[in-house]
Amino acid sequence: MTSRSRRAIFGGVGPVSGYAPGRVELLGNHTDYNAGVVLGAAIDRGLTVAGTRRDDDVIKLSSRAIAGGIAVSLADLRPETKARWANYALGVVEQFRAARYPIGGFAAEVSGDLPAGAGLSSSAAFEVAMAGFLMKLYDLRVDPLAVARLCRRAENEFVGVQSGLLDQATSVFGRADQMVFVDCRTEQIRTIPFPDGVVMVIAQSRGKHDLLESLYNQRRVECMSAAQALGAASLRELTSAQLEDAGSNLDPILRRRAAHIVGENERVCRAVEILDSSKSPVEFGALMNASHESSRTNFENSTDELDQLVEIARSQPGVFGSRLTGGGFGGATVTLVETSRAPDVVAHLHPHATAVFVCRAAEGAAVTWSR
C-alpha cells in the first residue's frame, strides 16, 4: 500500500475542522463488497465538519444544507429515525468510542459543495471529514487505512448500508491527477496517473439515489448467493470463462449479477494495464462504456435518466467513455472527455440533468485549523 502517513489527520484542540472529498468510481461497480478491485478518484468537491468541544457528553450536529439539527447524549447514542443524515457522523463517533478513543461532547456543523444523493459518496466524505474532525479535536493519531475501515464500519453497522471500502479509501487516499486502485481482498491501495489532457464531467441525474432505500443491499445478497451457488468464497475468485463453464445451472438473475461483477473485475485489471503502459484514454473509455452496459443489463442498477445522460455524452466529440458512477439506482454519470471539449459536453448535458460540472482528481482527506 502506498504510504500516506503524512496525510493523517492529526493533533490539537478546538475549534477545528476536518475536510474530505467526494469520489467518482471510474470502474469496478459493486466489486468492493465482492472482494474485488476498483478504480476511483477523489474529486475537487467535498465536505467540511467544523466545531468545538463541549464540557458535557452532548453532541450537537447541524448542516448548512438541511434545516434544523440534532442534539444527543453519548449515553444515548443510537441511529436517528428522522434526521437520518446525521447517522453517518454519529456512526463514526460510535466506532471511535468502540475502539476506546476518548471522545466527549462537541458541537459541529457540516458544509461544502458536494451534492448529496448524486452518487459521489457524500456519505463517505461526511464520515471521513467527521473522523478527521474528531482526531484533531481530541489529539488522536490513527493510521489512514484504519480511518477508512472505521468509517466503513460506521456505514455498515450504524447506518445499515452494506457498502465496501471503496468510498472511504478513495476519500482518504486520493491524490491530485491520480486514480486510486483498491484491491478490496488484500486492501492494497495505490495511485495511478490519469491520462494526460482529459477531465471528468459529472452529470447529476434527476433521480436522486438513497442507498438505504434502494436495492443496493439486495444486490449484495444476490452476489453472495451467486458465489455460494458456484462454490466460491466470493465472485472475485471467478473468471468469465469459469462462469461460462460453471454457471449454466445458475438462476438467471444470479448469473447476470455474477457476470457483472466478474466482468467488472476483469475490466479494472485491464484498465490498470492500460494506465501503466499506453495510458490510452480511448481504450480506457471503451472499458467505461462496457461497464455501463453491464450495469444496465446484468446488474440492473441503471435508470432511464442515467442511460439518457450516458447516451448524450457519448454522442459528443472528444468523449472517450461514459458510465454511471457509484451504487446506481439514480445518482450521477461520469464522462471522460478531452479537456478542450468539456464545456461543449457540459452544455449538451445540462438541459437533461440537475447539475453538470467539470472536475479533476484531487487530494484526499485533510484537516485544518478553523480560527
Protein backbone atom coordinates (compact mmCIF):
# COMPACT_ATOMS: atom_id res chain seq x y z
CA MET A 1 0.00 0.00 0.00
CA THR A 2 1.24 3.46 -0.83
CA SER A 3 2.35 5.17 2.38
CA ARG A 4 0.29 8.27 3.09
CA SER A 5 1.07 8.78 6.76
CA ARG A 6 1.84 12.41 6.03
CA ARG A 7 -1.86 12.87 5.26
CA ALA A 8 -3.05 11.52 8.60
CA ILE A 9 -5.46 13.89 10.29
CA PHE A 10 -3.52 14.74 13.40
CA GLY A 11 -3.36 16.60 16.62
CA GLY A 12 -4.60 19.62 18.58
CA VAL A 13 -7.59 21.17 20.34
CA GLY A 14 -10.68 23.02 19.10
CA PRO A 15 -12.02 24.91 17.34
CA VAL A 16 -11.04 22.73 14.38
CA SER A 17 -12.31 21.48 11.04
CA GLY A 18 -11.93 18.31 9.04
CA TYR A 19 -12.30 18.15 5.25
CA ALA A 20 -12.82 15.15 2.95
CA PRO A 21 -13.53 14.98 -0.78
CA GLY A 22 -16.22 13.09 -2.62
CA ARG A 23 -15.24 10.45 -5.11
CA VAL A 24 -16.08 9.07 -8.51
CA GLU A 25 -15.95 5.39 -9.29
CA LEU A 26 -14.45 5.05 -12.76
CA LEU A 27 -14.51 1.26 -12.98
CA GLY A 28 -15.40 -1.53 -10.57
CA ASN A 29 -19.11 -1.12 -9.96
CA HIS A 30 -20.24 -3.02 -6.82
CA THR A 31 -16.99 -5.02 -6.79
CA ASP A 32 -15.78 -3.71 -3.43
CA TYR A 33 -18.06 -5.81 -1.24
CA ASN A 34 -17.32 -8.79 -3.50
CA ALA A 35 -13.62 -8.72 -2.51
CA GLY A 36 -12.88 -7.28 -5.94
CA VAL A 37 -10.82 -4.48 -7.44
CA VAL A 38 -11.88 -0.89 -8.12
CA LEU A 39 -10.58 2.27 -9.78
CA GLY A 40 -11.84 5.54 -8.33
CA ALA A 41 -10.68 9.11 -7.82
CA ALA A 42 -11.17 11.74 -5.16
CA ILE A 43 -12.68 14.87 -6.70
CA ASP A 44 -12.28 18.58 -6.10
CA ARG A 45 -15.57 18.87 -4.23
CA GLY A 46 -16.12 17.81 -0.66
CA LEU A 47 -17.45 18.41 2.83
CA THR A 48 -16.10 20.14 5.93
CA VAL A 49 -17.02 19.38 9.52
CA ALA A 50 -16.13 22.25 11.86
CA GLY A 51 -16.75 22.80 15.55
CA THR A 52 -15.59 22.82 19.14
CA ARG A 53 -15.57 20.68 22.26
CA ARG A 54 -18.31 20.84 24.85
CA ASP A 55 -17.91 20.38 28.59
CA ASP A 56 -20.63 17.71 28.75
CA ASP A 57 -21.42 14.50 26.85
CA VAL A 58 -23.84 16.10 24.38
CA ILE A 59 -23.28 16.01 20.62
CA LYS A 60 -24.86 18.84 18.63
CA LEU A 61 -24.84 18.49 14.84
CA SER A 62 -26.14 20.89 12.23
CA SER A 63 -25.90 21.25 8.45
CA ARG A 64 -25.82 24.33 6.28
CA ALA A 65 -27.76 22.39 3.64
CA ILE A 66 -30.51 20.96 5.88
CA ALA A 67 -32.76 22.92 8.22
CA GLY A 68 -32.66 22.04 11.88
CA GLY A 69 -30.13 19.97 13.76
CA ILE A 70 -29.84 17.30 16.42
CA ALA A 71 -28.64 17.08 20.00
CA VAL A 72 -27.93 13.66 21.51
CA SER A 73 -26.16 12.36 24.58
CA LEU A 74 -23.24 9.98 24.18
CA ALA A 75 -25.00 7.79 26.72
CA ASP A 76 -27.98 7.50 24.38
CA LEU A 77 -26.23 7.14 21.03
CA ARG A 78 -28.46 5.37 18.51
CA PRO A 79 -29.49 5.82 14.87
CA GLU A 80 -31.72 8.82 14.20
CA THR A 81 -35.04 7.93 12.56
CA LYS A 82 -35.86 11.45 11.34
CA ALA A 83 -32.58 13.30 10.80
CA ARG A 84 -31.00 10.29 9.11
CA TRP A 85 -28.28 12.42 7.53
CA ALA A 86 -26.70 12.68 10.99
CA ASN A 87 -26.25 8.92 11.30
CA TYR A 88 -23.13 8.95 9.11
CA ALA A 89 -21.43 11.20 11.67
CA LEU A 90 -22.90 9.52 14.75
CA GLY A 91 -21.77 6.15 13.45
CA VAL A 92 -18.20 7.42 13.27
CA VAL A 93 -18.44 8.64 16.87
CA GLU A 94 -19.70 5.22 17.92
CA GLN A 95 -16.81 3.48 16.15
CA PHE A 96 -14.21 5.73 17.77
CA ARG A 97 -15.71 5.02 21.17
CA ALA A 98 -15.89 1.27 20.45
CA ALA A 99 -12.16 1.44 19.70
CA ARG A 100 -11.72 3.10 23.13
CA TYR A 101 -10.73 6.51 21.85
CA PRO A 102 -11.69 9.21 24.41
CA ILE A 103 -14.44 11.04 22.55
CA GLY A 104 -16.57 13.53 24.52
CA GLY A 105 -19.27 16.02 23.68
CA PHE A 106 -18.91 18.53 20.87
CA ALA A 107 -20.83 20.90 18.62
CA ALA A 108 -20.17 20.71 14.87
CA GLU A 109 -21.58 21.87 11.55
CA VAL A 110 -21.20 20.20 8.14
CA SER A 111 -20.91 22.28 4.99
CA GLY A 112 -19.47 22.01 1.50
CA ASP A 113 -20.05 21.87 -2.25
CA LEU A 114 -20.58 18.12 -2.65
CA PRO A 115 -24.21 17.35 -3.56
CA ALA A 116 -26.00 14.66 -1.58
CA GLY A 117 -27.74 11.84 -3.40
CA ALA A 118 -25.62 12.29 -6.53
CA GLY A 119 -23.64 9.07 -6.41
CA LEU A 120 -20.46 10.95 -5.44
CA SER A 121 -20.31 9.43 -1.97
CA SER A 122 -21.23 12.41 0.13
CA SER A 123 -21.84 9.85 2.89
CA ALA A 124 -18.22 8.66 2.92
CA ALA A 125 -16.97 12.24 2.67
CA PHE A 126 -19.09 13.12 5.72
CA GLU A 127 -17.75 10.10 7.61
CA VAL A 128 -14.11 10.80 6.78
CA ALA A 129 -14.45 14.53 7.49
CA MET A 130 -16.04 13.69 10.85
CA ALA A 131 -13.21 11.26 11.62
CA GLY A 132 -10.65 13.96 10.83
CA PHE A 133 -12.51 16.49 12.93
CA LEU A 134 -12.57 14.12 15.93
CA MET A 135 -8.91 13.21 15.51
CA LYS A 136 -7.83 16.82 15.65
CA LEU A 137 -10.32 17.83 18.32
CA TYR A 138 -9.14 15.06 20.66
CA ASP A 139 -5.49 14.87 19.58
CA LEU A 140 -5.75 11.34 18.18
CA ARG A 141 -3.41 9.64 15.76
CA VAL A 142 -4.91 6.89 13.62
CA ASP A 143 -3.41 5.17 10.58
CA PRO A 144 -5.11 6.36 7.35
CA LEU A 145 -6.22 2.86 6.34
CA ALA A 146 -7.64 2.34 9.83
CA VAL A 147 -9.62 5.57 9.36
CA ALA A 148 -11.12 4.23 6.13
CA ARG A 149 -12.01 0.92 7.79
CA LEU A 150 -13.56 2.66 10.79
CA CYS A 151 -15.73 4.84 8.56
CA ARG A 152 -16.84 1.86 6.52
CA ARG A 153 -17.91 0.06 9.69
CA ALA A 154 -19.90 3.13 10.70
CA GLU A 155 -21.81 2.95 7.42
CA ASN A 156 -22.30 -0.82 7.64
CA GLU A 157 -23.25 -1.14 11.30
CA PHE A 158 -24.82 2.18 12.32
CA VAL A 159 -26.36 3.42 9.06
CA GLY A 160 -27.21 -0.02 7.69
CA VAL A 161 -25.75 0.26 4.17
CA GLN A 162 -23.58 -2.79 3.44
CA SER A 163 -21.01 -0.97 1.32
CA GLY A 164 -17.40 -1.95 0.76
CA LEU A 165 -14.20 0.01 1.33
CA LEU A 166 -14.02 1.89 -1.97
CA ASP A 167 -15.68 5.15 -0.98
CA GLN A 168 -13.84 5.76 2.26
CA ALA A 169 -10.46 4.58 0.93
CA THR A 170 -10.71 6.84 -2.11
CA SER A 171 -11.66 9.83 0.04
CA VAL A 172 -8.67 9.19 2.32
CA PHE A 173 -6.02 8.18 -0.24
CA GLY A 174 -6.90 10.38 -3.21
CA ARG A 175 -4.15 12.38 -4.92
CA ALA A 176 -4.23 15.18 -7.45
CA ASP A 177 -4.34 13.92 -11.06
CA GLN A 178 -4.28 10.30 -9.88
CA MET A 179 -6.70 7.42 -9.87
CA VAL A 180 -6.92 5.26 -6.76
CA PHE A 181 -6.70 1.49 -7.22
CA VAL A 182 -8.17 -0.52 -4.36
CA ASP A 183 -7.89 -4.28 -4.01
CA CYS A 184 -10.65 -4.98 -1.53
CA ARG A 185 -9.43 -8.51 -0.77
CA THR A 186 -5.85 -7.65 0.14
CA GLU A 187 -6.56 -3.98 0.97
CA GLN A 188 -3.69 -2.97 -1.31
CA ILE A 189 -4.08 0.68 -2.31
CA ARG A 190 -2.03 2.54 -4.88
CA THR A 191 -2.38 5.56 -7.10
CA ILE A 192 -2.05 5.63 -10.89
CA PRO A 193 -1.65 8.78 -13.02
CA PHE A 194 -4.62 9.97 -15.05
CA PRO A 195 -4.20 10.06 -18.83
CA ASP A 196 -2.98 13.47 -19.96
CA GLY A 197 -5.33 16.04 -21.43
CA VAL A 198 -8.59 14.67 -20.04
CA VAL A 199 -11.06 15.73 -17.37
CA MET A 200 -14.17 14.23 -15.84
CA VAL A 201 -17.64 15.64 -16.43
CA ILE A 202 -20.15 14.76 -13.72
CA ALA A 203 -23.84 14.90 -14.61
CA GLN A 204 -26.31 14.53 -11.76
CA SER A 205 -29.48 12.80 -12.90
CA ARG A 206 -32.90 13.93 -11.78
CA GLY A 207 -33.29 10.63 -9.96
CA LYS A 208 -31.74 11.18 -6.54
CA HIS A 209 -30.47 7.96 -5.05
CA ASP A 210 -30.57 6.71 -1.49
CA LEU A 211 -28.60 3.52 -0.94
CA LEU A 212 -30.51 2.67 2.23
CA GLU A 213 -33.84 2.81 0.41
CA SER A 214 -32.57 1.43 -2.90
CA LEU A 215 -31.88 -2.15 -4.00
CA TYR A 216 -28.22 -1.84 -3.00
CA ASN A 217 -28.39 -4.29 -0.11
CA GLN A 218 -30.46 -6.70 -2.20
CA ARG A 219 -27.76 -6.73 -4.88
CA ARG A 220 -25.23 -7.62 -2.22
CA VAL A 221 -27.35 -10.58 -1.11
CA GLU A 222 -27.72 -11.70 -4.74
CA CYS A 223 -23.96 -11.57 -5.24
CA MET A 224 -23.33 -13.61 -2.11
CA SER A 225 -25.95 -16.13 -3.23
CA ALA A 226 -24.34 -16.43 -6.66
CA ALA A 227 -20.90 -17.02 -5.17
CA GLN A 228 -22.28 -19.66 -2.81
CA ALA A 229 -24.11 -21.44 -5.63
CA LEU A 230 -20.87 -21.51 -7.62
CA GLY A 231 -18.86 -22.87 -4.70
CA ALA A 232 -16.75 -19.74 -4.33
CA ALA A 233 -15.97 -17.66 -1.26
CA SER A 234 -16.57 -14.57 -3.38
CA LEU A 235 -17.14 -13.67 -7.01
CA ARG A 236 -13.56 -12.35 -7.06
CA GLU A 237 -12.40 -15.96 -7.38
CA LEU A 238 -14.06 -16.47 -10.77
CA THR A 239 -13.13 -15.57 -14.34
CA SER A 240 -15.60 -15.05 -17.17
CA ALA A 241 -14.52 -18.38 -18.68
CA GLN A 242 -15.14 -20.19 -15.39
CA LEU A 243 -18.53 -18.55 -15.04
CA GLU A 244 -19.42 -19.62 -18.56
CA ASP A 245 -18.50 -23.22 -17.77
CA ALA A 246 -20.00 -23.42 -14.28
CA GLY A 247 -22.98 -21.13 -14.48
CA SER A 248 -25.33 -22.96 -16.84
CA ASN A 249 -27.49 -24.23 -13.98
CA LEU A 250 -27.41 -20.99 -12.04
CA ASP A 251 -30.58 -18.97 -11.55
CA PRO A 252 -30.69 -16.49 -14.49
CA ILE A 253 -30.83 -13.44 -12.23
CA LEU A 254 -27.90 -14.62 -10.13
CA ARG A 255 -25.99 -15.44 -13.31
CA ARG A 256 -26.40 -11.88 -14.58
CA ARG A 257 -25.32 -10.43 -11.25
CA ALA A 258 -22.23 -12.66 -11.25
CA ALA A 259 -21.44 -11.78 -14.87
CA HIS A 260 -21.41 -8.10 -13.97
CA ILE A 261 -19.06 -8.46 -11.00
CA VAL A 262 -16.69 -10.87 -12.75
CA GLY A 263 -16.63 -8.66 -15.83
CA GLU A 264 -16.01 -5.54 -13.78
CA ASN A 265 -13.01 -7.09 -12.05
CA GLU A 266 -11.56 -8.01 -15.42
CA ARG A 267 -12.21 -4.51 -16.78
CA VAL A 268 -10.41 -2.94 -13.83
CA CYS A 269 -7.39 -5.22 -14.29
CA ARG A 270 -7.28 -4.39 -18.00
CA ALA A 271 -7.59 -0.67 -17.24
CA VAL A 272 -4.61 -0.84 -14.85
CA GLU A 273 -2.56 -2.47 -17.61
CA ILE A 274 -3.56 0.35 -19.98
CA LEU A 275 -2.76 3.08 -17.47
CA ASP A 276 0.59 1.51 -16.61
CA SER A 277 1.62 1.27 -20.27
CA SER A 278 -0.03 3.24 -23.07
CA LYS A 279 -2.22 5.44 -20.85
CA SER A 280 -4.71 5.44 -23.72
CA PRO A 281 -7.93 7.31 -22.86
CA VAL A 282 -9.55 5.66 -25.90
CA GLU A 283 -9.08 2.16 -24.53
CA PHE A 284 -9.96 3.24 -21.02
CA GLY A 285 -13.13 4.92 -22.27
CA ALA A 286 -14.18 1.76 -24.10
CA LEU A 287 -13.97 -0.11 -20.79
CA MET A 288 -16.15 2.55 -19.16
CA ASN A 289 -18.75 2.11 -21.91
CA ALA A 290 -18.74 -1.67 -21.46
CA SER A 291 -19.09 -1.21 -17.72
CA HIS A 292 -22.23 0.88 -18.10
CA GLU A 293 -23.79 -1.61 -20.49
CA SER A 294 -23.20 -4.37 -17.94
CA SER A 295 -24.70 -2.22 -15.19
CA ARG A 296 -27.74 -1.65 -17.36
CA THR A 297 -28.35 -5.22 -18.48
CA ASN A 298 -26.69 -7.53 -15.94
CA PHE A 299 -26.84 -5.65 -12.67
CA GLU A 300 -29.94 -3.57 -13.44
CA ASN A 301 -28.79 -0.67 -11.30
CA SER A 302 -29.03 1.97 -14.01
CA THR A 303 -32.10 4.10 -14.73
CA ASP A 304 -33.65 5.68 -17.81
CA GLU A 305 -32.27 9.06 -16.71
CA LEU A 306 -28.74 7.72 -16.31
CA ASP A 307 -28.91 5.90 -19.64
CA GLN A 308 -30.01 9.10 -21.37
CA LEU A 309 -27.13 11.08 -19.90
CA VAL A 310 -24.65 8.41 -20.97
CA GLU A 311 -26.07 8.31 -24.50
CA ILE A 312 -25.94 12.10 -24.86
CA ALA A 313 -22.37 12.25 -23.57
CA ARG A 314 -21.13 9.51 -25.89
CA SER A 315 -22.57 11.33 -28.90
CA GLN A 316 -20.31 14.35 -28.32
CA PRO A 317 -16.88 14.89 -29.94
CA GLY A 318 -13.95 14.36 -27.62
CA VAL A 319 -15.72 11.91 -25.31
CA PHE A 320 -13.83 8.69 -24.61
CA GLY A 321 -16.34 6.96 -22.35
CA SER A 322 -19.30 7.49 -20.04
CA ARG A 323 -21.00 5.43 -17.35
CA LEU A 324 -22.96 5.63 -14.14
CA THR A 325 -20.84 6.13 -11.05
CA GLY A 326 -21.43 4.75 -7.59
CA GLY A 327 -24.21 2.49 -6.41
CA GLY A 328 -26.61 3.43 -9.19
CA PHE A 329 -30.41 3.41 -8.89
CA GLY A 330 -30.17 7.14 -9.61
CA GLY A 331 -27.31 9.47 -8.87
CA ALA A 332 -24.79 10.60 -11.46
CA THR A 333 -22.73 9.71 -14.50
CA VAL A 334 -19.03 10.29 -15.09
CA THR A 335 -17.72 11.07 -18.56
CA LEU A 336 -14.07 11.07 -19.59
CA VAL A 337 -13.50 13.83 -22.14
CA GLU A 338 -10.78 15.88 -23.78
CA THR A 339 -10.18 18.97 -21.66
CA SER A 340 -10.88 21.39 -24.51
CA ARG A 341 -14.18 19.69 -25.34
CA ALA A 342 -15.53 19.65 -21.77
CA PRO A 343 -17.52 22.92 -22.00
CA ASP A 344 -19.45 21.64 -25.03
CA VAL A 345 -20.22 18.34 -23.27
CA VAL A 346 -21.46 20.23 -20.22
CA ALA A 347 -23.72 22.38 -22.42
CA HIS A 348 -25.31 19.35 -24.10
CA LEU A 349 -25.89 17.52 -20.82
CA HIS A 350 -27.17 20.50 -18.85
CA PRO A 351 -30.80 20.51 -20.09
CA HIS A 352 -31.17 16.87 -19.05
CA ALA A 353 -29.56 16.94 -15.60
CA THR A 354 -30.00 18.51 -12.19
CA ALA A 355 -26.39 19.70 -12.28
CA VAL A 356 -23.37 19.26 -14.52
CA PHE A 357 -19.80 20.19 -13.68
CA VAL A 358 -16.21 19.51 -14.67
CA CYS A 359 -13.93 18.04 -12.04
CA ARG A 360 -10.41 16.75 -11.65
CA ALA A 361 -8.83 14.12 -9.45
CA ALA A 362 -7.96 15.81 -6.17
CA GLU A 363 -6.09 15.32 -2.92
CA GLY A 364 -7.61 13.12 -0.25
CA ALA A 365 -8.74 13.92 3.27
CA ALA A 366 -7.13 16.68 5.29
CA VAL A 367 -7.84 18.66 8.45
CA THR A 368 -7.05 22.31 9.00
CA TRP A 369 -7.36 24.67 11.93
CA SER A 370 -10.58 26.68 11.88
CA ARG A 371 -9.99 30.00 13.64
